[in-house]
Amino acid sequence: VLQEEGPTASNEKVLKDLSEYLTKLNN
């Protein structure tokens, strides 16, 4: 996952982005 996301990626950022996207889908 982090290799796909790029050099500045962290677990915290990945989970935050995914959570926001799931919120958008639910909306």
PDB file of all heavy atoms in Angstrom:
ATOM      1  N   VAL A   1       0.830  -1.211   0.000  1.00  0.00           N
ATOM      2  CA  VAL A   1       0.000   0.000   0.000  1.00  0.00           C
ATOM      3  C   VAL A   1       0.863   1.259   0.000  1.00  0.00           C
ATOM      4  O   VAL A   1       0.648   2.182  -0.791  1.00  0.00           O
ATOM      5  CB  VAL A   1      -0.944   0.005   1.217  1.00  0.00           C
ATOM      6  CG1 VAL A   1      -1.649   1.351   1.347  1.00  0.00           C
ATOM      7  CG2 VAL A   1      -1.975  -1.104   1.089  1.00  0.00           C
ATOM      8  N   LEU A   2       1.855   1.312   0.869  1.00  0.00           N
ATOM      9  CA  LEU A   2       2.662   2.522   0.999  1.00  0.00           C
ATOM     10  C   LEU A   2       3.549   2.760  -0.217  1.00  0.00           C
ATOM     11  O   LEU A   2       3.813   3.904  -0.584  1.00  0.00           O
ATOM     12  CB  LEU A   2       3.497   2.474   2.282  1.00  0.00           C
ATOM     13  CG  LEU A   2       2.672   2.470   3.583  1.00  0.00           C
ATOM     14  CD1 LEU A   2       3.581   2.381   4.799  1.00  0.00           C
ATOM     15  CD2 LEU A   2       1.798   3.720   3.678  1.00  0.00           C
ATOM     16  N   GLN A   3       4.008   1.686  -0.856  1.00  0.00           N
ATOM     17  CA  GLN A   3       4.763   1.857  -2.099  1.00  0.00           C
ATOM     18  C   GLN A   3       3.868   2.456  -3.178  1.00  0.00           C
ATOM     19  O   GLN A   3       4.286   3.317  -3.958  1.00  0.00           O
ATOM     20  CB  GLN A   3       5.339   0.520  -2.569  1.00  0.00           C
ATOM     21  CG  GLN A   3       6.562   0.074  -1.794  1.00  0.00           C
ATOM     22  CD  GLN A   3       7.132  -1.236  -2.307  1.00  0.00           C
ATOM     23  OE1 GLN A   3       6.582  -1.874  -3.207  1.00  0.00           O
ATOM     24  NE2 GLN A   3       8.240  -1.665  -1.736  1.00  0.00           N
ATOM     25  N   GLU A   4       2.621   2.015  -3.233  1.00  0.00           N
ATOM     26  CA  GLU A   4       1.672   2.551  -4.205  1.00  0.00           C
ATOM     27  C   GLU A   4       1.382   4.022  -3.934  1.00  0.00           C
ATOM     28  O   GLU A   4       1.228   4.830  -4.856  1.00  0.00           O
ATOM     29  CB  GLU A   4       0.367   1.752  -4.143  1.00  0.00           C
ATOM     30  CG  GLU A   4      -0.776   2.314  -4.964  1.00  0.00           C
ATOM     31  CD  GLU A   4      -0.547   2.256  -6.466  1.00  0.00           C
ATOM     32  OE1 GLU A   4       0.277   1.427  -6.909  1.00  0.00           O
ATOM     33  OE2 GLU A   4      -1.156   3.052  -7.195  1.00  0.00           O
ATOM     34  N   GLU A   5       1.355   4.384  -2.658  1.00  0.00           N
ATOM     35  CA  GLU A   5       0.964   5.744  -2.281  1.00  0.00           C
ATOM     36  C   GLU A   5       2.059   6.779  -2.446  1.00  0.00           C
ATOM     37  O   GLU A   5       1.783   7.964  -2.513  1.00  0.00           O
ATOM     38  CB  GLU A   5       0.483   5.751  -0.836  1.00  0.00           C
ATOM     39  CG  GLU A   5      -0.871   5.119  -0.658  1.00  0.00           C
ATOM     40  CD  GLU A   5      -1.942   5.866  -1.426  1.00  0.00           C
ATOM     41  OE1 GLU A   5      -2.347   6.952  -1.008  1.00  0.00           O
ATOM     42  OE2 GLU A   5      -2.353   5.353  -2.475  1.00  0.00           O
ATOM     43  N   GLY A   6       3.318   6.363  -2.494  1.00  0.00           N
ATOM     44  CA  GLY A   6       4.375   7.338  -2.707  1.00  0.00           C
ATOM     45  C   GLY A   6       5.217   7.599  -1.472  1.00  0.00           C
ATOM     46  O   GLY A   6       4.930   7.111  -0.372  1.00  0.00           O
ATOM     47  N   PRO A   7       6.254   8.419  -1.627  1.00  0.00           N
ATOM     48  CA  PRO A   7       7.285   8.567  -0.591  1.00  0.00           C
ATOM     49  C   PRO A   7       6.824   9.240   0.695  1.00  0.00           C
ATOM     50  O   PRO A   7       7.483   9.115   1.715  1.00  0.00           O
ATOM     51  CB  PRO A   7       8.359   9.412  -1.291  1.00  0.00           C
ATOM     52  CG  PRO A   7       7.627  10.151  -2.371  1.00  0.00           C
ATOM     53  CD  PRO A   7       6.563   9.209  -2.833  1.00  0.00           C
ATOM     54  N   THR A   8       5.742   9.977   0.670  1.00  0.00           N
ATOM     55  CA  THR A   8       5.298  10.682   1.881  1.00  0.00           C
ATOM     56  C   THR A   8       4.167   9.954   2.602  1.00  0.00           C
ATOM     57  O   THR A   8       3.631  10.464   3.585  1.00  0.00           O
ATOM     58  CB  THR A   8       4.824  12.105   1.537  1.00  0.00           C
ATOM     59  OG1 THR A   8       3.626  12.018   0.744  1.00  0.00           O
ATOM     60  CG2 THR A   8       5.880  12.873   0.763  1.00  0.00           C
ATOM     61  N   ALA A   9       3.808   8.772   2.147  1.00  0.00           N
ATOM     62  CA  ALA A   9       2.635   8.072   2.676  1.00  0.00           C
ATOM     63  C   ALA A   9       2.883   7.508   4.075  1.00  0.00           C
ATOM     64  O   ALA A   9       3.994   7.113   4.426  1.00  0.00           O
ATOM     65  CB  ALA A   9       2.233   6.944   1.737  1.00  0.00           C
ATOM     66  N   SER A  10       1.818   7.466   4.840  1.00  0.00           N
ATOM     67  CA  SER A  10       1.835   6.829   6.154  1.00  0.00           C
ATOM     68  C   SER A  10       0.521   6.086   6.334  1.00  0.00           C
ATOM     69  O   SER A  10      -0.449   6.326   5.612  1.00  0.00           O
ATOM     70  CB  SER A  10       1.985   7.877   7.267  1.00  0.00           C
ATOM     71  OG  SER A  10       0.812   8.679   7.355  1.00  0.00           O
ATOM     72  N   ASN A  11       0.481   5.174   7.296  1.00  0.00           N
ATOM     73  CA  ASN A  11      -0.755   4.447   7.573  1.00  0.00           C
ATOM     74  C   ASN A  11      -1.868   5.412   7.958  1.00  0.00           C
ATOM     75  O   ASN A  11      -3.026   5.270   7.555  1.00  0.00           O
ATOM     76  CB  ASN A  11      -0.540   3.425   8.687  1.00  0.00           C
ATOM     77  CG  ASN A  11      -0.230   4.079  10.031  1.00  0.00           C
ATOM     78  OD1 ASN A  11       0.702   4.888  10.126  1.00  0.00           O
ATOM     79  ND2 ASN A  11      -0.980   3.739  11.054  1.00  0.00           N
ATOM     80  N   GLU A  12      -1.511   6.422   8.725  1.00  0.00           N
ATOM     81  CA  GLU A  12      -2.489   7.406   9.188  1.00  0.00           C
ATOM     82  C   GLU A  12      -3.144   8.123   8.012  1.00  0.00           C
ATOM     83  O   GLU A  12      -4.369   8.288   7.959  1.00  0.00           O
ATOM     84  CB  GLU A  12      -1.776   8.414  10.092  1.00  0.00           C
ATOM     85  CG  GLU A  12      -2.676   9.404  10.773  1.00  0.00           C
ATOM     86  CD  GLU A  12      -1.889  10.322  11.692  1.00  0.00           C
ATOM     87  OE1 GLU A  12      -0.742  10.684  11.356  1.00  0.00           O
ATOM     88  OE2 GLU A  12      -2.434  10.685  12.747  1.00  0.00           O
ATOM     89  N   LYS A  13      -2.334   8.548   7.029  1.00  0.00           N
ATOM     90  CA  LYS A  13      -2.846   9.266   5.869  1.00  0.00           C
ATOM     91  C   LYS A  13      -3.693   8.355   4.991  1.00  0.00           C
ATOM     92  O   LYS A  13      -4.763   8.755   4.507  1.00  0.00           O
ATOM     93  CB  LYS A  13      -1.674   9.832   5.066  1.00  0.00           C
ATOM     94  CG  LYS A  13      -2.083  10.596   3.803  1.00  0.00           C
ATOM     95  CD  LYS A  13      -2.822  11.867   4.113  1.00  0.00           C
ATOM     96  CE  LYS A  13      -3.097  12.668   2.857  1.00  0.00           C
ATOM     97  NZ  LYS A  13      -4.011  13.792   3.088  1.00  0.00           N
ATOM     98  N   VAL A  14      -3.231   7.127   4.774  1.00  0.00           N
ATOM     99  CA  VAL A  14      -3.983   6.176   3.952  1.00  0.00           C
ATOM    100  C   VAL A  14      -5.358   5.912   4.550  1.00  0.00           C
ATOM    101  O   VAL A  14      -6.382   5.956   3.855  1.00  0.00           O
ATOM    102  CB  VAL A  14      -3.205   4.855   3.793  1.00  0.00           C
ATOM    103  CG1 VAL A  14      -4.098   3.758   3.211  1.00  0.00           C
ATOM    104  CG2 VAL A  14      -1.986   5.053   2.897  1.00  0.00           C
ATOM    105  N   LEU A  15      -5.399   5.652   5.844  1.00  0.00           N
ATOM    106  CA  LEU A  15      -6.677   5.352   6.492  1.00  0.00           C
ATOM    107  C   LEU A  15      -7.594   6.568   6.517  1.00  0.00           C
ATOM    108  O   LEU A  15      -8.819   6.438   6.362  1.00  0.00           O
ATOM    109  CB  LEU A  15      -6.429   4.845   7.911  1.00  0.00           C
ATOM    110  CG  LEU A  15      -5.753   3.470   7.994  1.00  0.00           C
ATOM    111  CD1 LEU A  15      -5.365   3.147   9.438  1.00  0.00           C
ATOM    112  CD2 LEU A  15      -6.657   2.383   7.430  1.00  0.00           C
ATOM    113  N   LYS A  16      -7.028   7.752   6.677  1.00  0.00           N
ATOM    114  CA  LYS A  16      -7.824   8.981   6.658  1.00  0.00           C
ATOM    115  C   LYS A  16      -8.446   9.191   5.273  1.00  0.00           C
ATOM    116  O   LYS A  16      -9.641   9.485   5.154  1.00  0.00           O
ATOM    117  CB  LYS A  16      -6.957  10.175   7.038  1.00  0.00           C
ATOM    118  CG  LYS A  16      -7.688  11.519   7.012  1.00  0.00           C
ATOM    119  CD  LYS A  16      -6.764  12.638   7.471  1.00  0.00           C
ATOM    120  CE  LYS A  16      -7.479  13.998   7.432  1.00  0.00           C
ATOM    121  NZ  LYS A  16      -7.781  14.440   6.065  1.00  0.00           N
ATOM    122  N   ASP A  17      -7.626   9.058   4.223  1.00  0.00           N
ATOM    123  CA  ASP A  17      -8.129   9.245   2.864  1.00  0.00           C
ATOM    124  C   ASP A  17      -9.214   8.230   2.529  1.00  0.00           C
ATOM    125  O   ASP A  17     -10.240   8.565   1.927  1.00  0.00           O
ATOM    126  CB  ASP A  17      -6.990   9.121   1.847  1.00  0.00           C
ATOM    127  CG  ASP A  17      -6.084  10.339   1.836  1.00  0.00           C
ATOM    128  OD1 ASP A  17      -6.434  11.351   2.467  1.00  0.00           O
ATOM    129  OD2 ASP A  17      -5.018  10.274   1.188  1.00  0.00           O
ATOM    130  N   LEU A  18      -8.982   6.982   2.919  1.00  0.00           N
ATOM    131  CA  LEU A  18      -9.948   5.932   2.624  1.00  0.00           C
ATOM    132  C   LEU A  18     -11.249   6.148   3.392  1.00  0.00           C
ATOM    133  O   LEU A  18     -12.346   5.962   2.856  1.00  0.00           O
ATOM    134  CB  LEU A  18      -9.350   4.560   2.970  1.00  0.00           C
ATOM    135  CG  LEU A  18     -10.154   3.327   2.558  1.00  0.00           C
ATOM    136  CD1 LEU A  18     -10.523   3.372   1.083  1.00  0.00           C
ATOM    137  CD2 LEU A  18      -9.363   2.056   2.870  1.00  0.00           C
ATOM    138  N   SER A  19     -11.118   6.609   4.623  1.00  0.00           N
ATOM    139  CA  SER A  19     -12.301   6.892   5.432  1.00  0.00           C
ATOM    140  C   SER A  19     -13.117   8.026   4.815  1.00  0.00           C
ATOM    141  O   SER A  19     -14.355   7.951   4.745  1.00  0.00           O
ATOM    142  CB  SER A  19     -11.878   7.275   6.858  1.00  0.00           C
ATOM    143  OG  SER A  19     -12.998   7.633   7.632  1.00  0.00           O
ATOM    144  N   GLU A  20     -12.441   9.068   4.334  1.00  0.00           N
ATOM    145  CA  GLU A  20     -13.140  10.186   3.688  1.00  0.00           C
ATOM    146  C   GLU A  20     -13.841   9.729   2.416  1.00  0.00           C
ATOM    147  O   GLU A  20     -14.964  10.165   2.124  1.00  0.00           O
ATOM    148  CB  GLU A  20     -12.145  11.309   3.363  1.00  0.00           C
ATOM    149  CG  GLU A  20     -11.675  12.085   4.572  1.00  0.00           C
ATOM    150  CD  GLU A  20     -10.687  13.179   4.205  1.00  0.00           C
ATOM    151  OE1 GLU A  20     -10.338  13.294   3.000  1.00  0.00           O
ATOM    152  OE2 GLU A  20     -10.257  13.917   5.106  1.00  0.00           O
ATOM    153  N   TYR A  21     -13.189   8.860   1.675  1.00  0.00           N
ATOM    154  CA  TYR A  21     -13.797   8.385   0.442  1.00  0.00           C
ATOM    155  C   TYR A  21     -15.012   7.510   0.734  1.00  0.00           C
ATOM    156  O   TYR A  21     -16.036   7.598   0.052  1.00  0.00           O
ATOM    157  CB  TYR A  21     -12.785   7.614  -0.392  1.00  0.00           C
ATOM    158  CG  TYR A  21     -13.274   7.286  -1.780  1.00  0.00           C
ATOM    159  CD1 TYR A  21     -13.546   8.288  -2.698  1.00  0.00           C
ATOM    160  CD2 TYR A  21     -13.472   5.968  -2.173  1.00  0.00           C
ATOM    161  CE1 TYR A  21     -14.007   7.993  -3.974  1.00  0.00           C
ATOM    162  CE2 TYR A  21     -13.933   5.662  -3.450  1.00  0.00           C
ATOM    163  CZ  TYR A  21     -14.192   6.678  -4.338  1.00  0.00           C
ATOM    164  OH  TYR A  21     -14.648   6.388  -5.601  1.00  0.00           O
ATOM    165  N   LEU A  22     -14.924   6.676   1.758  1.00  0.00           N
ATOM    166  CA  LEU A  22     -16.063   5.853   2.157  1.00  0.00           C
ATOM    167  C   LEU A  22     -17.227   6.738   2.619  1.00  0.00           C
ATOM    168  O   LEU A  22     -18.393   6.445   2.344  1.00  0.00           O
ATOM    169  CB  LEU A  22     -15.659   4.880   3.265  1.00  0.00           C
ATOM    170  CG  LEU A  22     -14.881   3.646   2.802  1.00  0.00           C
ATOM    171  CD1 LEU A  22     -14.238   2.934   3.983  1.00  0.00           C
ATOM    172  CD2 LEU A  22     -15.805   2.693   2.049  1.00  0.00           C
ATOM    173  N   THR A  23     -16.905   7.829   3.305  1.00  0.00           N
ATOM    174  CA  THR A  23     -17.939   8.780   3.714  1.00  0.00           C
ATOM    175  C   THR A  23     -18.628   9.372   2.500  1.00  0.00           C
ATOM    176  O   THR A  23     -19.858   9.513   2.458  1.00  0.00           O
ATOM    177  CB  THR A  23     -17.329   9.906   4.567  1.00  0.00           C
ATOM    178  OG1 THR A  23     -16.779   9.342   5.762  1.00  0.00           O
ATOM    179  CG2 THR A  23     -18.378  10.947   4.936  1.00  0.00           C
ATOM    180  N   LYS A  24     -17.833   9.737   1.498  1.00  0.00           N
ATOM    181  CA  LYS A  24     -18.394  10.287   0.263  1.00  0.00           C
ATOM    182  C   LYS A  24     -19.326   9.275  -0.409  1.00  0.00           C
ATOM    183  O   LYS A  24     -20.418   9.622  -0.851  1.00  0.00           O
ATOM    184  CB  LYS A  24     -17.281  10.684  -0.700  1.00  0.00           C
ATOM    185  CG  LYS A  24     -17.804  11.219  -2.012  1.00  0.00           C
ATOM    186  CD  LYS A  24     -16.731  11.209  -3.074  1.00  0.00           C
ATOM    187  CE  LYS A  24     -17.336  11.471  -4.434  1.00  0.00           C
ATOM    188  NZ  LYS A  24     -18.323  10.456  -4.841  1.00  0.00           N
ATOM    189  N   LEU A  25     -18.901   8.019  -0.489  1.00  0.00           N
ATOM    190  CA  LEU A  25     -19.737   6.985  -1.102  1.00  0.00           C
ATOM    191  C   LEU A  25     -21.037   6.821  -0.327  1.00  0.00           C
ATOM    192  O   LEU A  25     -22.121   6.690  -0.912  1.00  0.00           O
ATOM    193  CB  LEU A  25     -18.983   5.651  -1.145  1.00  0.00           C
ATOM    194  CG  LEU A  25     -17.732   5.597  -2.030  1.00  0.00           C
ATOM    195  CD1 LEU A  25     -17.053   4.242  -1.889  1.00  0.00           C
ATOM    196  CD2 LEU A  25     -18.076   5.869  -3.491  1.00  0.00           C
ATOM    197  N   ASN A  26     -20.945   6.851   0.986  1.00  0.00           N
ATOM    198  CA  ASN A  26     -22.152   6.710   1.809  1.00  0.00           C
ATOM    199  C   ASN A  26     -23.080   7.905   1.624  1.00  0.00           C
ATOM    200  O   ASN A  26     -24.311   7.771   1.704  1.00  0.00           O
ATOM    201  CB  ASN A  26     -21.778   6.567   3.286  1.00  0.00           C
ATOM    202  CG  ASN A  26     -22.993   6.300   4.157  1.00  0.00           C
ATOM    203  OD1 ASN A  26     -23.676   5.296   4.004  1.00  0.00           O
ATOM    204  ND2 ASN A  26     -23.277   7.233   5.063  1.00  0.00           N
ATOM    205  N   ASN A  27     -22.495   9.078   1.359  1.00  0.00           N
ATOM    206  CA  ASN A  27     -23.331  10.263   1.129  1.00  0.00           C
ATOM    207  C   ASN A  27     -24.120  10.156  -0.171  1.00  0.00           C
ATOM    208  O   ASN A  27     -25.148  10.821  -0.333  1.00  0.00           O
ATOM    209  CB  ASN A  27     -22.458  11.520   1.085  1.00  0.00           C
ATOM    210  CG  ASN A  27     -21.913  11.880   2.445  1.00  0.00           C
ATOM    211  OD1 ASN A  27     -22.416  11.416   3.464  1.00  0.00           O
ATOM    212  ND2 ASN A  27     -20.872  12.686   2.476  1.00  0.00           N
TER     213      ASN A  27
END
